[in-house]
Amino acid sequence: MRIVRRSSGSLAWAYRKASDLGIDPGRIGIIGGSAGGGLAAGLALLARDRAEIPVAFQALSYPMLDDRQITLVRPGRRPAVGAIGQPVRLALLPQRIQS
């Protein structure tokens, strides 16, 4: 959660400096991929809950939202092997993300 709070400082800075940066403060969005997607989702929720900075959109690319969705290798089966020879852990996205 600390990194989300620190990221909110960057979002607040962009919002305060919007006119200096030549951007519309009403059209600020948050984007992130993989672990950054989870961070972006958390930041969007924090911004919503604080109701200080309007976030126009969020773009999440393969967000890691729940690290409990891991497929483990069944006993007696060989694990998949990655390019560098390490076992692969397959993360599965939930069928439906509940709000």
N, C-alpha and C. Protein backbone atom coordinates (compact mmCIF):
# COMPACT_ATOMS: atom_id res chain seq x y z
N MET A 1 0.82 -1.20 0.00
CA MET A 1 0.00 0.00 0.00
C MET A 1 0.86 1.26 0.00
N ARG A 2 2.07 1.16 0.54
CA ARG A 2 2.94 2.34 0.59
C ARG A 2 3.25 2.85 -0.82
N ILE A 3 3.49 1.94 -1.75
CA ILE A 3 3.81 2.37 -3.11
C ILE A 3 2.61 3.03 -3.79
N VAL A 4 1.41 2.60 -3.45
CA VAL A 4 0.21 3.25 -3.99
C VAL A 4 0.10 4.67 -3.45
N ARG A 5 0.35 4.84 -2.17
CA ARG A 5 0.31 6.19 -1.59
C ARG A 5 1.39 7.09 -2.20
N ARG A 6 2.57 6.52 -2.44
CA ARG A 6 3.63 7.31 -3.07
C ARG A 6 3.26 7.68 -4.50
N SER A 7 2.61 6.76 -5.19
CA SER A 7 2.18 7.04 -6.56
C SER A 7 1.10 8.11 -6.57
N SER A 8 0.31 8.18 -5.51
CA SER A 8 -0.73 9.20 -5.46
C SER A 8 -0.10 10.59 -5.41
N GLY A 9 1.10 10.69 -4.86
CA GLY A 9 1.81 11.97 -4.88
C GLY A 9 2.17 12.39 -6.29
N SER A 10 2.54 11.44 -7.12
CA SER A 10 2.84 11.75 -8.53
C SER A 10 1.59 12.16 -9.27
N LEU A 11 0.49 11.48 -8.99
CA LEU A 11 -0.78 11.84 -9.61
C LEU A 11 -1.20 13.24 -9.19
N ALA A 12 -1.06 13.56 -7.90
CA ALA A 12 -1.41 14.89 -7.40
C ALA A 12 -0.53 15.96 -8.04
N TRP A 13 0.75 15.66 -8.22
CA TRP A 13 1.67 16.61 -8.86
C TRP A 13 1.22 16.89 -10.29
N ALA A 14 0.91 15.83 -11.04
CA ALA A 14 0.47 16.00 -12.43
C ALA A 14 -0.82 16.82 -12.49
N TYR A 15 -1.71 16.58 -11.55
CA TYR A 15 -2.97 17.32 -11.51
C TYR A 15 -2.73 18.80 -11.20
N ARG A 16 -1.87 19.08 -10.21
CA ARG A 16 -1.56 20.48 -9.85
C ARG A 16 -0.84 21.21 -10.97
N LYS A 17 0.03 20.53 -11.66
CA LYS A 17 0.85 21.15 -12.71
C LYS A 17 0.26 20.99 -14.11
N ALA A 18 -0.98 20.57 -14.21
CA ALA A 18 -1.58 20.28 -15.51
C ALA A 18 -1.45 21.43 -16.49
N SER A 19 -1.76 22.64 -16.05
CA SER A 19 -1.67 23.77 -16.98
C SER A 19 -0.23 24.03 -17.41
N ASP A 20 0.73 23.89 -16.50
CA ASP A 20 2.14 24.05 -16.87
C ASP A 20 2.61 22.98 -17.84
N LEU A 21 2.02 21.78 -17.73
CA LEU A 21 2.39 20.66 -18.60
C LEU A 21 1.60 20.64 -19.91
N GLY A 22 0.61 21.54 -20.01
CA GLY A 22 -0.20 21.61 -21.22
C GLY A 22 -1.19 20.46 -21.35
N ILE A 23 -1.68 19.96 -20.22
CA ILE A 23 -2.66 18.89 -20.28
C ILE A 23 -3.96 19.32 -19.59
N ASP A 24 -5.03 18.71 -19.99
CA ASP A 24 -6.35 18.99 -19.42
C ASP A 24 -6.47 18.21 -18.11
N PRO A 25 -6.63 18.89 -16.97
CA PRO A 25 -6.71 18.19 -15.69
C PRO A 25 -7.92 17.27 -15.57
N GLY A 26 -8.91 17.47 -16.41
CA GLY A 26 -10.09 16.62 -16.39
C GLY A 26 -9.96 15.38 -17.23
N ARG A 27 -8.79 15.23 -17.89
CA ARG A 27 -8.59 14.07 -18.76
C ARG A 27 -7.35 13.27 -18.38
N ILE A 28 -6.99 13.29 -17.12
CA ILE A 28 -5.82 12.54 -16.64
C ILE A 28 -6.23 11.09 -16.43
N GLY A 29 -5.42 10.19 -16.97
CA GLY A 29 -5.68 8.77 -16.82
C GLY A 29 -4.50 8.06 -16.19
N ILE A 30 -4.73 6.82 -15.80
CA ILE A 30 -3.70 6.00 -15.17
C ILE A 30 -3.55 4.74 -16.01
N ILE A 31 -2.31 4.37 -16.30
CA ILE A 31 -2.05 3.19 -17.10
C ILE A 31 -0.99 2.32 -16.43
N GLY A 32 -1.10 1.02 -16.60
CA GLY A 32 -0.10 0.12 -16.04
C GLY A 32 -0.23 -1.28 -16.61
N GLY A 33 0.88 -1.99 -16.66
CA GLY A 33 0.88 -3.35 -17.18
C GLY A 33 1.42 -4.33 -16.15
N SER A 34 0.84 -5.50 -16.10
CA SER A 34 1.24 -6.58 -15.21
C SER A 34 1.19 -6.09 -13.76
N ALA A 35 2.29 -6.12 -13.04
CA ALA A 35 2.28 -5.63 -11.66
C ALA A 35 1.92 -4.15 -11.62
N GLY A 36 2.34 -3.41 -12.62
CA GLY A 36 1.97 -1.99 -12.71
C GLY A 36 0.48 -1.80 -12.95
N GLY A 37 -0.16 -2.80 -13.55
CA GLY A 37 -1.61 -2.74 -13.73
C GLY A 37 -2.32 -2.84 -12.39
N GLY A 38 -1.81 -3.69 -11.52
CA GLY A 38 -2.37 -3.78 -10.18
C GLY A 38 -2.15 -2.49 -9.41
N LEU A 39 -0.97 -1.89 -9.58
CA LEU A 39 -0.66 -0.62 -8.94
C LEU A 39 -1.59 0.48 -9.47
N ALA A 40 -1.78 0.51 -10.79
CA ALA A 40 -2.66 1.51 -11.39
C ALA A 40 -4.10 1.35 -10.90
N ALA A 41 -4.56 0.10 -10.77
CA ALA A 41 -5.92 -0.14 -10.25
C ALA A 41 -6.03 0.36 -8.81
N GLY A 42 -5.03 0.07 -8.00
CA GLY A 42 -5.04 0.53 -6.62
C GLY A 42 -5.02 2.05 -6.52
N LEU A 43 -4.24 2.67 -7.39
CA LEU A 43 -4.16 4.14 -7.40
C LEU A 43 -5.49 4.74 -7.83
N ALA A 44 -6.14 4.15 -8.82
CA ALA A 44 -7.44 4.65 -9.25
C ALA A 44 -8.48 4.53 -8.13
N LEU A 45 -8.44 3.42 -7.39
CA LEU A 45 -9.37 3.25 -6.27
C LEU A 45 -9.09 4.26 -5.15
N LEU A 46 -7.81 4.49 -4.87
CA LEU A 46 -7.44 5.47 -3.85
C LEU A 46 -7.90 6.87 -4.25
N ALA A 47 -7.69 7.23 -5.52
CA ALA A 47 -8.12 8.54 -6.01
C ALA A 47 -9.64 8.67 -5.92
N ARG A 48 -10.35 7.60 -6.27
CA ARG A 48 -11.81 7.62 -6.16
C ARG A 48 -12.26 7.81 -4.71
N ASP A 49 -11.64 7.06 -3.81
CA ASP A 49 -12.05 7.12 -2.40
C ASP A 49 -11.74 8.47 -1.77
N ARG A 50 -10.64 9.07 -2.15
CA ARG A 50 -10.27 10.38 -1.60
C ARG A 50 -11.07 11.51 -2.23
N ALA A 51 -11.57 11.31 -3.43
CA ALA A 51 -12.38 12.29 -4.17
C ALA A 51 -11.68 13.64 -4.30
N GLU A 52 -10.37 13.64 -4.46
CA GLU A 52 -9.62 14.89 -4.62
C GLU A 52 -9.21 15.12 -6.07
N ILE A 53 -8.88 14.05 -6.78
CA ILE A 53 -8.40 14.14 -8.16
C ILE A 53 -9.30 13.29 -9.05
N PRO A 54 -9.94 13.91 -10.04
CA PRO A 54 -10.78 13.12 -10.93
C PRO A 54 -9.90 12.34 -11.92
N VAL A 55 -10.04 11.04 -11.91
CA VAL A 55 -9.31 10.19 -12.86
C VAL A 55 -10.27 9.87 -13.99
N ALA A 56 -9.90 10.27 -15.21
CA ALA A 56 -10.78 10.11 -16.36
C ALA A 56 -10.87 8.67 -16.83
N PHE A 57 -9.77 7.93 -16.73
CA PHE A 57 -9.78 6.54 -17.19
C PHE A 57 -8.61 5.80 -16.59
N GLN A 58 -8.69 4.48 -16.68
CA GLN A 58 -7.54 3.65 -16.35
C GLN A 58 -7.41 2.62 -17.45
N ALA A 59 -6.18 2.35 -17.86
CA ALA A 59 -5.89 1.35 -18.89
C ALA A 59 -4.97 0.31 -18.25
N LEU A 60 -5.51 -0.88 -18.03
CA LEU A 60 -4.77 -1.94 -17.37
C LEU A 60 -4.45 -3.03 -18.38
N SER A 61 -3.18 -3.30 -18.56
CA SER A 61 -2.74 -4.32 -19.49
C SER A 61 -2.26 -5.54 -18.70
N TYR A 62 -2.99 -6.64 -18.78
CA TYR A 62 -2.68 -7.87 -18.04
C TYR A 62 -2.39 -7.57 -16.58
N PRO A 63 -3.33 -6.93 -15.88
CA PRO A 63 -3.05 -6.56 -14.49
C PRO A 63 -2.96 -7.77 -13.57
N MET A 64 -1.99 -7.76 -12.71
CA MET A 64 -1.87 -8.78 -11.67
C MET A 64 -2.65 -8.25 -10.48
N LEU A 65 -3.89 -8.69 -10.36
CA LEU A 65 -4.77 -8.18 -9.32
C LEU A 65 -4.88 -9.11 -8.12
N ASP A 66 -4.60 -10.39 -8.34
CA ASP A 66 -4.77 -11.36 -7.26
C ASP A 66 -3.71 -12.44 -7.43
N ASP A 67 -2.68 -12.41 -6.61
CA ASP A 67 -1.59 -13.37 -6.76
C ASP A 67 -1.93 -14.75 -6.21
N ARG A 68 -3.17 -14.93 -5.74
CA ARG A 68 -3.58 -16.25 -5.27
C ARG A 68 -4.00 -17.15 -6.42
N GLN A 69 -4.13 -16.61 -7.62
CA GLN A 69 -4.58 -17.38 -8.77
C GLN A 69 -3.38 -18.03 -9.45
N ILE A 70 -2.76 -18.95 -8.79
CA ILE A 70 -1.56 -19.63 -9.30
C ILE A 70 -1.90 -21.09 -9.56
N THR A 71 -1.48 -21.59 -10.73
CA THR A 71 -1.66 -23.00 -11.05
C THR A 71 -0.42 -23.75 -10.62
N LEU A 72 -0.57 -24.71 -9.74
CA LEU A 72 0.55 -25.51 -9.27
C LEU A 72 0.59 -26.82 -10.05
N VAL A 73 1.76 -27.38 -10.17
CA VAL A 73 1.95 -28.64 -10.87
C VAL A 73 1.42 -29.78 -10.00
N ARG A 74 0.64 -30.67 -10.61
CA ARG A 74 0.11 -31.82 -9.86
C ARG A 74 1.23 -32.81 -9.56
N PRO A 75 1.12 -33.53 -8.45
CA PRO A 75 2.14 -34.54 -8.11
C PRO A 75 2.29 -35.55 -9.25
N GLY A 76 3.53 -35.95 -9.52
CA GLY A 76 3.79 -36.92 -10.57
C GLY A 76 3.92 -36.33 -11.96
N ARG A 77 3.69 -35.04 -12.10
CA ARG A 77 3.81 -34.39 -13.41
C ARG A 77 5.06 -33.53 -13.43
N ARG A 78 5.67 -33.43 -14.59
CA ARG A 78 6.83 -32.54 -14.73
C ARG A 78 6.35 -31.12 -14.92
N PRO A 79 6.97 -30.17 -14.27
CA PRO A 79 6.56 -28.78 -14.48
C PRO A 79 6.97 -28.28 -15.85
N ALA A 80 6.26 -27.30 -16.34
CA ALA A 80 6.68 -26.64 -17.57
C ALA A 80 8.02 -25.96 -17.30
N VAL A 81 8.84 -25.85 -18.31
CA VAL A 81 10.17 -25.26 -18.13
C VAL A 81 10.27 -24.02 -19.01
N GLY A 82 10.73 -22.93 -18.40
CA GLY A 82 10.88 -21.68 -19.13
C GLY A 82 12.15 -21.65 -19.96
N ALA A 83 12.36 -20.53 -20.61
CA ALA A 83 13.49 -20.38 -21.52
C ALA A 83 14.84 -20.52 -20.83
N ILE A 84 14.89 -20.18 -19.55
CA ILE A 84 16.18 -20.28 -18.86
C ILE A 84 16.25 -21.53 -17.99
N GLY A 85 15.31 -22.46 -18.22
CA GLY A 85 15.36 -23.72 -17.51
C GLY A 85 14.72 -23.73 -16.14
N GLN A 86 13.99 -22.71 -15.81
CA GLN A 86 13.32 -22.63 -14.51
C GLN A 86 11.87 -23.08 -14.64
N PRO A 87 11.30 -23.72 -13.62
CA PRO A 87 9.88 -24.07 -13.66
C PRO A 87 9.02 -22.82 -13.85
N VAL A 88 7.96 -22.98 -14.58
CA VAL A 88 7.06 -21.86 -14.86
C VAL A 88 5.86 -21.96 -13.94
N ARG A 89 5.48 -20.86 -13.31
CA ARG A 89 4.25 -20.78 -12.53
C ARG A 89 3.26 -20.01 -13.38
N LEU A 90 2.14 -20.60 -13.66
CA LEU A 90 1.15 -19.98 -14.53
C LEU A 90 0.13 -19.23 -13.71
N ALA A 91 0.01 -17.95 -13.96
CA ALA A 91 -0.99 -17.14 -13.26
C ALA A 91 -2.25 -17.11 -14.10
N LEU A 92 -3.38 -17.35 -13.48
CA LEU A 92 -4.66 -17.33 -14.18
C LEU A 92 -5.46 -16.13 -13.71
N LEU A 93 -6.06 -15.41 -14.66
CA LEU A 93 -6.93 -14.31 -14.29
C LEU A 93 -8.29 -14.86 -13.90
N PRO A 94 -8.92 -14.27 -12.92
CA PRO A 94 -10.25 -14.73 -12.54
C PRO A 94 -11.24 -14.52 -13.68
N GLN A 95 -12.27 -15.32 -13.73
CA GLN A 95 -13.29 -15.20 -14.78
C GLN A 95 -14.01 -13.86 -14.70
N ARG A 96 -14.27 -13.41 -13.50
CA ARG A 96 -14.98 -12.16 -13.31
C ARG A 96 -14.37 -11.44 -12.13
N ILE A 97 -14.07 -10.18 -12.32
CA ILE A 97 -13.52 -9.39 -11.24
C ILE A 97 -14.68 -8.71 -10.53
N GLN A 98 -14.82 -8.98 -9.27
CA GLN A 98 -15.94 -8.40 -8.51
C GLN A 98 -15.56 -7.02 -8.01
N SER A 99 -16.53 -6.13 -8.02
CA SER A 99 -16.27 -4.76 -7.56
C SER A 99 -16.55 -4.63 -6.10
